[in-house]
Structure formats: structure tokens, C-alpha cells
PDB file of N, CA and C in Angstrom:
ATOM      1  N   MET A   1      -1.396 -15.587  75.757  1.00  0.00           N
ATOM      2  CA  MET A   1      -0.768 -14.842  75.752  1.00  0.00           C
ATOM      3  C   MET A   1       0.161 -14.667  76.871  1.00  0.00           C
ATOM      4  N   GLU A   2       1.812 -14.742  76.887  1.00  0.00           N
ATOM      5  CA  GLU A   2       2.582 -14.233  78.235  1.00  0.00           C
ATOM      6  C   GLU A   2       2.589 -13.048  79.079  1.00  0.00           C
ATOM      7  N   ARG A   3       1.656 -12.125  78.510  1.00  0.00           N
ATOM      8  CA  ARG A   3       1.685 -10.903  79.236  1.00  0.00           C
ATOM      9  C   ARG A   3       0.349 -10.250  80.283  1.00  0.00           C
ATOM     10  N   ASP A   4      -0.325 -11.406  79.749  1.00  0.00           N
ATOM     11  CA  ASP A   4      -1.618 -11.300  80.256  1.00  0.00           C
ATOM     12  C   ASP A   4      -1.505 -11.569  81.783  1.00  0.00           C
ATOM     13  N   GLY A   5      -0.392 -12.511  81.935  1.00  0.00           N
ATOM     14  CA  GLY A   5      -0.683 -12.432  83.668  1.00  0.00           C
ATOM     15  C   GLY A   5      -0.054 -11.448  84.456  1.00  0.00           C
ATOM     16  N   GLN A   6       0.823 -10.668  83.334  1.00  0.00           N
ATOM     17  CA  GLN A   6       1.270  -9.302  83.839  1.00  0.00           C
ATOM     18  C   GLN A   6       0.529  -8.448  84.246  1.00  0.00           C
ATOM     19  N   LEU A   7      -0.520  -8.481  83.539  1.00  0.00           N
ATOM     20  CA  LEU A   7      -1.879  -7.050  83.796  1.00  0.00           C
ATOM     21  C   LEU A   7      -2.117  -6.202  85.223  1.00  0.00           C
ATOM     22  N   PRO A   8      -1.606  -7.139  86.113  1.00  0.00           N
ATOM     23  CA  PRO A   8      -1.687  -6.246  87.415  1.00  0.00           C
ATOM     24  C   PRO A   8      -0.556  -5.464  87.535  1.00  0.00           C
ATOM     25  N   LEU A   9       0.126  -6.319  86.994  1.00  0.00           N
ATOM     26  CA  LEU A   9       1.994  -5.384  87.243  1.00  0.00           C
ATOM     27  C   LEU A   9       2.073  -4.261  86.879  1.00  0.00           C
ATOM     28  N   TYR A  10       1.478  -4.850  85.116  1.00  0.00           N
ATOM     29  CA  TYR A  10       1.626  -3.058  84.762  1.00  0.00           C
ATOM     30  C   TYR A  10       0.679  -2.477  84.820  1.00  0.00           C
ATOM     31  N   ASP A  11      -0.393  -2.320  85.539  1.00  0.00           N
ATOM     32  CA  ASP A  11      -1.428  -1.605  86.536  1.00  0.00           C
ATOM     33  C   ASP A  11      -0.724  -1.269  87.382  1.00  0.00           C
ATOM     34  N   LEU A  12      -0.341  -1.689  88.051  1.00  0.00           N
ATOM     35  CA  LEU A  12       0.666  -1.013  89.413  1.00  0.00           C
ATOM     36  C   LEU A  12       1.998  -0.219  89.039  1.00  0.00           C
ATOM     37  N   VAL A  13       2.665  -0.534  87.775  1.00  0.00           N
ATOM     38  CA  VAL A  13       3.664  -0.088  87.453  1.00  0.00           C
ATOM     39  C   VAL A  13       3.181   1.601  86.615  1.00  0.00           C
ATOM     40  N   ALA A  14       2.390   1.171  85.621  1.00  0.00           N
ATOM     41  CA  ALA A  14       1.673   2.774  85.190  1.00  0.00           C
ATOM     42  C   ALA A  14       1.084   3.498  86.296  1.00  0.00           C
ATOM     43  N   ALA A  15       0.831   3.354  87.414  1.00  0.00           N
ATOM     44  CA  ALA A  15       0.232   3.894  88.405  1.00  0.00           C
ATOM     45  C   ALA A  15       1.438   4.805  89.370  1.00  0.00           C
ATOM     46  N   ARG A  16       2.647   4.256  89.683  1.00  0.00           N
ATOM     47  CA  ARG A  16       3.516   4.403  90.075  1.00  0.00           C
ATOM     48  C   ARG A  16       4.268   5.300  89.141  1.00  0.00           C
ATOM     49  N   LEU A  17       4.340   4.739  87.849  1.00  0.00           N
ATOM     50  CA  LEU A  17       5.218   5.655  87.253  1.00  0.00           C
ATOM     51  C   LEU A  17       4.343   7.118  87.004  1.00  0.00           C
ATOM     52  N   LYS A  18       2.962   7.120  87.024  1.00  0.00           N
ATOM     53  CA  LYS A  18       2.760   8.036  86.872  1.00  0.00           C
ATOM     54  C   LYS A  18       2.721   9.406  88.193  1.00  0.00           C
ATOM     55  N   ASP A  19       2.534   8.355  89.473  1.00  0.00           N
ATOM     56  CA  ASP A  19       2.593   9.067  90.641  1.00  0.00           C
ATOM     57  C   ASP A  19       4.523   9.981  90.580  1.00  0.00           C
ATOM     58  N   ALA A  20       4.839   9.135  90.622  1.00  0.00           N
ATOM     59  CA  ALA A  20       6.497   9.864  90.223  1.00  0.00           C
ATOM     60  C   ALA A  20       7.049  10.950  89.331  1.00  0.00           C
ATOM     61  N   HIS A  21       6.117  10.793  87.961  1.00  0.00           N
ATOM     62  CA  HIS A  21       6.422  12.163  87.464  1.00  0.00           C
ATOM     63  C   HIS A  21       5.713  13.432  87.990  1.00  0.00           C
ATOM     64  N   THR A  22       4.662  13.058  88.712  1.00  0.00           N
ATOM     65  CA  THR A  22       3.813  14.172  89.580  1.00  0.00           C
ATOM     66  C   THR A  22       5.017  14.762  90.251  1.00  0.00           C
ATOM     67  N   MET A  23       5.328  13.877  91.069  1.00  0.00           N
ATOM     68  CA  MET A  23       6.457  14.171  92.110  1.00  0.00           C
ATOM     69  C   MET A  23       7.539  14.837  91.568  1.00  0.00           C
ATOM     70  N   VAL A  24       8.168  14.162  90.801  1.00  0.00           N
ATOM     71  CA  VAL A  24       9.172  14.988  90.002  1.00  0.00           C
ATOM     72  C   VAL A  24       8.932  16.525  89.601  1.00  0.00           C
ATOM     73  N   ARG A  25       7.758  16.675  88.985  1.00  0.00           N
ATOM     74  CA  ARG A  25       7.332  17.957  88.944  1.00  0.00           C
ATOM     75  C   ARG A  25       7.219  18.450  89.788  1.00  0.00           C
ATOM     76  N   THR A  26       6.954  18.317  91.094  1.00  0.00           N
ATOM     77  CA  THR A  26       6.781  19.191  92.098  1.00  0.00           C
ATOM     78  C   THR A  26       7.884  19.696  93.242  1.00  0.00           C
ATOM     79  N   LEU A  27       8.306  18.608  92.994  1.00  0.00           N
ATOM     80  CA  LEU A  27       9.906  18.513  94.014  1.00  0.00           C
ATOM     81  C   LEU A  27      10.614  19.885  93.695  1.00  0.00           C
ATOM     82  N   GLN A  28      10.849  20.225  94.875  1.00  0.00           N
ATOM     83  CA  GLN A  28      11.505  22.083  95.153  1.00  0.00           C
ATOM     84  C   GLN A  28      12.972  21.183  94.646  1.00  0.00           C
ATOM     85  N   VAL A  29      13.619  21.498  93.963  1.00  0.00           N
ATOM     86  CA  VAL A  29      15.023  21.417  93.478  1.00  0.00           C
ATOM     87  C   VAL A  29      15.548  21.987  92.298  1.00  0.00           C
ATOM     88  N   PRO A  30      16.592  21.928  92.301  1.00  0.00           N
ATOM     89  CA  PRO A  30      17.282  23.169  90.621  1.00  0.00           C
ATOM     90  C   PRO A  30      16.844  22.609  89.247  1.00  0.00           C
ATOM     91  N   GLN A  31      16.259  23.261  88.583  1.00  0.00           N
ATOM     92  CA  GLN A  31      16.008  22.666  87.134  1.00  0.00           C
ATOM     93  C   GLN A  31      16.523  21.325  86.610  1.00  0.00           C
ATOM     94  N   ASP A  32      18.292  21.425  86.545  1.00  0.00           N
ATOM     95  CA  ASP A  32      19.386  20.209  86.064  1.00  0.00           C
ATOM     96  C   ASP A  32      18.616  18.888  87.015  1.00  0.00           C
ATOM     97  N   VAL A  33      18.689  19.131  88.219  1.00  0.00           N
ATOM     98  CA  VAL A  33      17.945  18.160  89.299  1.00  0.00           C
ATOM     99  C   VAL A  33      16.768  17.189  88.707  1.00  0.00           C
ATOM    100  N   ARG A  34      15.936  18.028  88.688  1.00  0.00           N
ATOM    101  CA  ARG A  34      14.308  17.800  87.617  1.00  0.00           C
ATOM    102  C   ARG A  34      14.375  17.234  86.282  1.00  0.00           C
ATOM    103  N   ALA A  35      15.302  17.959  85.181  1.00  0.00           N
ATOM    104  CA  ALA A  35      15.345  17.070  84.541  1.00  0.00           C
ATOM    105  C   ALA A  35      16.336  15.671  84.509  1.00  0.00           C
ATOM    106  N   ALA A  36      17.068  15.669  85.089  1.00  0.00           N
ATOM    107  CA  ALA A  36      17.796  14.177  85.414  1.00  0.00           C
ATOM    108  C   ALA A  36      16.546  13.449  85.536  1.00  0.00           C
ATOM    109  N   LEU A  37      16.062  13.938  86.998  1.00  0.00           N
ATOM    110  CA  LEU A  37      15.267  12.679  87.755  1.00  0.00           C
ATOM    111  C   LEU A  37      13.910  12.340  86.099  1.00  0.00           C
ATOM    112  N   ALA A  38      13.736  13.473  85.648  1.00  0.00           N
ATOM    113  CA  ALA A  38      12.933  13.259  84.285  1.00  0.00           C
ATOM    114  C   ALA A  38      13.455  12.482  83.608  1.00  0.00           C
ATOM    115  N   ARG A  39      14.568  12.598  82.789  1.00  0.00           N
ATOM    116  CA  ARG A  39      15.582  11.325  81.895  1.00  0.00           C
ATOM    117  C   ARG A  39      15.200  10.092  82.492  1.00  0.00           C
ATOM    118  N   ARG A  40      15.393   9.827  84.023  1.00  0.00           N
ATOM    119  CA  ARG A  40      15.405   8.993  84.491  1.00  0.00           C
ATOM    120  C   ARG A  40      14.198   8.053  84.349  1.00  0.00           C
ATOM    121  N   LEU A  41      12.942   8.997  84.858  1.00  0.00           N
ATOM    122  CA  LEU A  41      11.636   8.036  84.641  1.00  0.00           C
ATOM    123  C   LEU A  41      11.446   7.669  83.678  1.00  0.00           C
ATOM    124  N   LEU A  42      11.673   8.501  82.125  1.00  0.00           N
ATOM    125  CA  LEU A  42      11.409   8.090  80.545  1.00  0.00           C
ATOM    126  C   LEU A  42      12.565   6.952  80.379  1.00  0.00           C
ATOM    127  N   ALA A  43      13.284   6.992  81.105  1.00  0.00           N
ATOM    128  CA  ALA A  43      13.988   5.654  80.790  1.00  0.00           C
ATOM    129  C   ALA A  43      13.312   4.535  81.193  1.00  0.00           C
ATOM    130  N   ILE A  44      13.084   4.537  82.722  1.00  0.00           N
ATOM    131  CA  ILE A  44      12.211   3.827  82.934  1.00  0.00           C
ATOM    132  C   ILE A  44      10.786   3.073  82.690  1.00  0.00           C
ATOM    133  N   THR A  45      10.238   4.368  82.181  1.00  0.00           N
ATOM    134  CA  THR A  45       8.648   3.902  81.140  1.00  0.00           C
ATOM    135  C   THR A  45       9.534   3.277  79.823  1.00  0.00           C
ATOM    136  N   ALA A  46      10.127   3.638  79.145  1.00  0.00           N
ATOM    137  CA  ALA A  46      10.786   2.538  78.195  1.00  0.00           C
ATOM    138  C   ALA A  46      10.774   1.611  78.382  1.00  0.00           C
ATOM    139  N   ALA A  47      11.576   1.670  79.626  1.00  0.00           N
ATOM    140  CA  ALA A  47      12.295   0.086  79.691  1.00  0.00           C
ATOM    141  C   ALA A  47      10.859  -1.084  79.942  1.00  0.00           C
ATOM    142  N   SER A  48       9.835  -0.410  80.696  1.00  0.00           N
ATOM    143  CA  SER A  48       8.926  -1.001  81.295  1.00  0.00           C
ATOM    144  C   SER A  48       8.090  -1.630  80.105  1.00  0.00           C
ATOM    145  N   LYS A  49       8.373  -1.663  78.403  1.00  0.00           N
ATOM    146  CA  LYS A  49       7.535  -1.883  78.006  1.00  0.00           C
ATOM    147  C   LYS A  49       8.551  -2.925  77.502  1.00  0.00           C
ATOM    148  N   HIS A  50       9.727  -3.311  77.470  1.00  0.00           N
ATOM    149  CA  HIS A  50      10.286  -5.003  77.651  1.00  0.00           C
ATOM    150  C   HIS A  50      10.626  -5.561  78.813  1.00  0.00           C
ATOM    151  N   ASP A  51      10.710  -4.594  79.607  1.00  0.00           N
ATOM    152  CA  ASP A  51      11.312  -5.826  80.804  1.00  0.00           C
ATOM    153  C   ASP A  51      10.509  -5.088  82.172  1.00  0.00           C
ATOM    154  N   LEU A  52       9.307  -5.475  82.381  1.00  0.00           N
ATOM    155  CA  LEU A  52       8.254  -4.664  83.481  1.00  0.00           C
ATOM    156  C   LEU A  52       9.056  -4.704  84.640  1.00  0.00           C
ATOM    157  N   ALA A  53       9.345  -6.183  85.320  1.00  0.00           N
ATOM    158  CA  ALA A  53       9.800  -6.508  86.638  1.00  0.00           C
ATOM    159  C   ALA A  53      11.324  -5.654  86.976  1.00  0.00           C
ATOM    160  N   GLY A  54      11.990  -5.510  85.558  1.00  0.00           N
ATOM    161  CA  GLY A  54      13.527  -4.873  85.873  1.00  0.00           C
ATOM    162  C   GLY A  54      12.863  -3.284  85.872  1.00  0.00           C
ATOM    163  N   ALA A  55      12.263  -3.152  84.977  1.00  0.00           N
ATOM    164  CA  ALA A  55      11.560  -1.725  85.368  1.00  0.00           C
ATOM    165  C   ALA A  55      11.064  -0.930  86.806  1.00  0.00           C
ATOM    166  N   ALA A  56      10.015  -2.119  87.294  1.00  0.00           N
ATOM    167  CA  ALA A  56       9.607  -2.004  88.423  1.00  0.00           C
ATOM    168  C   ALA A  56      10.877  -1.852  89.722  1.00  0.00           C
ATOM    169  N   ARG A  57      11.690  -2.623  89.387  1.00  0.00           N
ATOM    170  CA  ARG A  57      12.870  -2.580  90.625  1.00  0.00           C
ATOM    171  C   ARG A  57      13.784  -1.073  90.440  1.00  0.00           C
ATOM    172  N   ARG A  58      14.047  -0.831  88.831  1.00  0.00           N
ATOM    173  CA  ARG A  58      14.426   0.410  88.969  1.00  0.00           C
ATOM    174  C   ARG A  58      13.922   1.621  89.577  1.00  0.00           C
ATOM    175  N   LEU A  59      12.163   1.352  89.114  1.00  0.00           N
ATOM    176  CA  LEU A  59      11.748   2.493  90.195  1.00  0.00           C
ATOM    177  C   LEU A  59      11.485   2.902  91.337  1.00  0.00           C
ATOM    178  N   ASP A  60      11.554   1.420  92.281  1.00  0.00           N
ATOM    179  CA  ASP A  60      11.801   1.377  93.690  1.00  0.00           C
ATOM    180  C   ASP A  60      12.870   1.947  93.982  1.00  0.00           C
ATOM    181  N   ARG A  61      13.965   1.618  93.357  1.00  0.00           N
ATOM    182  CA  ARG A  61      15.166   2.012  93.806  1.00  0.00           C
ATOM    183  C   ARG A  61      15.377   3.632  93.023  1.00  0.00           C
ATOM    184  N   LEU A  62      14.585   4.003  92.249  1.00  0.00           N
ATOM    185  CA  LEU A  62      14.514   5.642  92.228  1.00  0.00           C
ATOM    186  C   LEU A  62      14.248   6.373  92.910  1.00  0.00           C
ATOM    187  N   MET A  63      12.723   5.483  93.401  1.00  0.00           N
ATOM    188  CA  MET A  63      11.854   6.682  94.553  1.00  0.00           C
ATOM    189  C   MET A  63      12.314   6.375  95.806  1.00  0.00           C
ATOM    190  N   GLU A  64      12.941   5.327  96.150  1.00  0.00           N
ATOM    191  CA  GLU A  64      14.134   5.410  97.472  1.00  0.00           C
ATOM    192  C   GLU A  64      15.292   6.767  98.080  1.00  0.00           C
ATOM    193  N   ASP A  65      15.587   6.296  96.566  1.00  0.00           N
ATOM    194  CA  ASP A  65      16.643   7.627  96.192  1.00  0.00           C
ATOM    195  C   ASP A  65      15.893   9.268  96.886  1.00  0.00           C
ATOM    196  N   ILE A  66      14.517   9.272  96.003  1.00  0.00           N
ATOM    197  CA  ILE A  66      13.915  10.672  96.011  1.00  0.00           C
ATOM    198  C   ILE A  66      13.821  11.090  97.210  1.00  0.00           C
ATOM    199  N   GLY A  67      13.291   9.728  97.911  1.00  0.00           N
ATOM    200  CA  GLY A  67      12.386   9.549  99.430  1.00  0.00           C
ATOM    201  C   GLY A  67      13.568   9.647 100.441  1.00  0.00           C
ATOM    202  N   LYS A  68      14.824   9.853 100.594  1.00  0.00           N
ATOM    203  CA  LYS A  68      15.862  10.030 101.012  1.00  0.00           C
ATOM    204  C   LYS A  68      17.171  10.993 100.592  1.00  0.00           C
ATOM    205  N   GLY A  69      16.208  11.849  99.643  1.00  0.00           N
ATOM    206  CA  GLY A  69      16.494  13.176  99.074  1.00  0.00           C
ATOM    207  C   GLY A  69      18.393  13.012  98.719  1.00  0.00           C
ATOM    208  N   ARG A  70      18.613  11.750  97.642  1.00  0.00           N
ATOM    209  CA  ARG A  70      19.087  11.524  97.111  1.00  0.00           C
ATOM    210  C   ARG A  70      18.897  11.850  95.592  1.00  0.00           C
ATOM    211  N   PHE A  71      19.704  13.046  95.107  1.00  0.00           N
ATOM    212  CA  PHE A  71      19.159  13.148  93.715  1.00  0.00           C
ATOM    213  C   PHE A  71      20.503  13.205  93.094  1.00  0.00           C
ATOM    214  N   PRO A  72      20.318  12.779  92.067  1.00  0.00           N
ATOM    215  CA  PRO A  72      21.445  12.720  90.873  1.00  0.00           C
ATOM    216  C   PRO A  72      22.344  14.189  90.221  1.00  0.00           C
ATOM    217  N   THR A  73      23.679  13.684  90.591  1.00  0.00           N
ATOM    218  CA  THR A  73      24.343  15.022  90.096  1.00  0.00           C
ATOM    219  C   THR A  73      24.507  15.048  88.712  1.00  0.00           C
ATOM    220  N   GLU A  74      24.800  16.132  88.138  1.00  0.00           N
ATOM    221  CA  GLU A  74      25.231  15.965  86.551  1.00  0.00           C
ATOM    222  C   GLU A  74      26.228  14.807  86.128  1.00  0.00           C
ATOM    223  N   GLN A  75      27.302  14.960  86.785  1.00  0.00           N
ATOM    224  CA  GLN A  75      28.429  13.770  86.561  1.00  0.00           C
ATOM    225  C   GLN A  75      27.143  12.564  86.250  1.00  0.00           C
ATOM    226  N   GLU A  76      26.586  12.016  87.072  1.00  0.00           N
ATOM    227  CA  GLU A  76      26.063  10.861  87.425  1.00  0.00           C
ATOM    228  C   GLU A  76      24.938  10.524  86.692  1.00  0.00           C
ATOM    229  N   ASP A  77      24.565  11.813  85.929  1.00  0.00           N
ATOM    230  CA  ASP A  77      23.320  11.814  84.962  1.00  0.00           C
ATOM    231  C   ASP A  77      24.290  11.522  83.652  1.00  0.00           C
ATOM    232  N   ARG A  78      25.410  12.009  83.351  1.00  0.00           N
ATOM    233  CA  ARG A  78      25.636  11.709  82.053  1.00  0.00           C
ATOM    234  C   ARG A  78      26.408  10.400  82.200  1.00  0.00           C
ATOM    235  N   CYS A  79      26.461   9.650  83.430  1.00  0.00           N
ATOM    236  CA  CYS A  79      27.319   8.437  83.434  1.00  0.00           C
ATOM    237  C   CYS A  79      26.007   7.636  82.745  1.00  0.00           C
ATOM    238  N   ALA A  80      25.364   7.994  83.439  1.00  0.00           N
ATOM    239  CA  ALA A  80      23.873   7.027  83.597  1.00  0.00           C
ATOM    240  C   ALA A  80      23.430   6.994  81.949  1.00  0.00           C
ATOM    241  N   GLN A  81      23.712   7.967  81.039  1.00  0.00           N
ATOM    242  CA  GLN A  81      23.204   7.922  80.034  1.00  0.00           C
ATOM    243  C   GLN A  81      24.222   6.993  79.121  1.00  0.00           C
ATOM    244  N   GLY A  82      25.652   6.597  79.546  1.00  0.00           N
ATOM    245  CA  GLY A  82      26.445   6.610  78.900  1.00  0.00           C
ATOM    246  C   GLY A  82      27.633   7.608  77.836  1.00  0.00           C
ATOM    247  N   SER A  83      27.535   8.703  78.285  1.00  0.00           N
ATOM    248  CA  SER A  83      28.052   9.921  77.533  1.00  0.00           C
ATOM    249  C   SER A  83      29.155  10.482  78.071  1.00  0.00           C
ATOM    250  N   ALA A  84      29.358   9.691  79.632  1.00  0.00           N
ATOM    251  CA  ALA A  84      31.060  10.387  79.810  1.00  0.00           C
ATOM    252  C   ALA A  84      31.486   9.724  79.750  1.00  0.00           C
TER     253      ALA A  84
END
């Protein structure tokens, strides 16, 4: 099975997603920012089921943004969801 070779990557991404969710939950940011970040994490989690490497890259970018204090605005979040 193709995915058998990806088990270490699955473990790594799963651990990083868990850490990311914990980080977002404890951030001192407005509730709407926390909700936008949580939605992005849920989208990355869902994507990991179909495109593990792509999800890992998206998670890297999101964590980098959080580390640099770059948080989504309400408008950016709507655009990312495709509703704007």
C-alpha cells in the first residue's frame, strides 16, 4: 500500500496538528481570530486525509504566520472559505 511508506509523515503531521490546535486554543487573541485559525486548522486536518504532503506545507505556513504574529482578518478568512 502506498500510504505505508508515509506512516512516519502521518505521525509527524498528526503530532504537529495536535500542537497547533493547543497553541491556537491558548493564544491571547480576539475570539474571531481564534475561530478563523481553528477553521484553518480543521481544513488542514481534512486535507491531510487526501494530500498529506500538501497539508504539511499548509501547516508549516500557518505556524510560521502564527509565530510571526500574522493572524487572519475576518475578510481574509471569508476569502479563504470562498464565501466572499
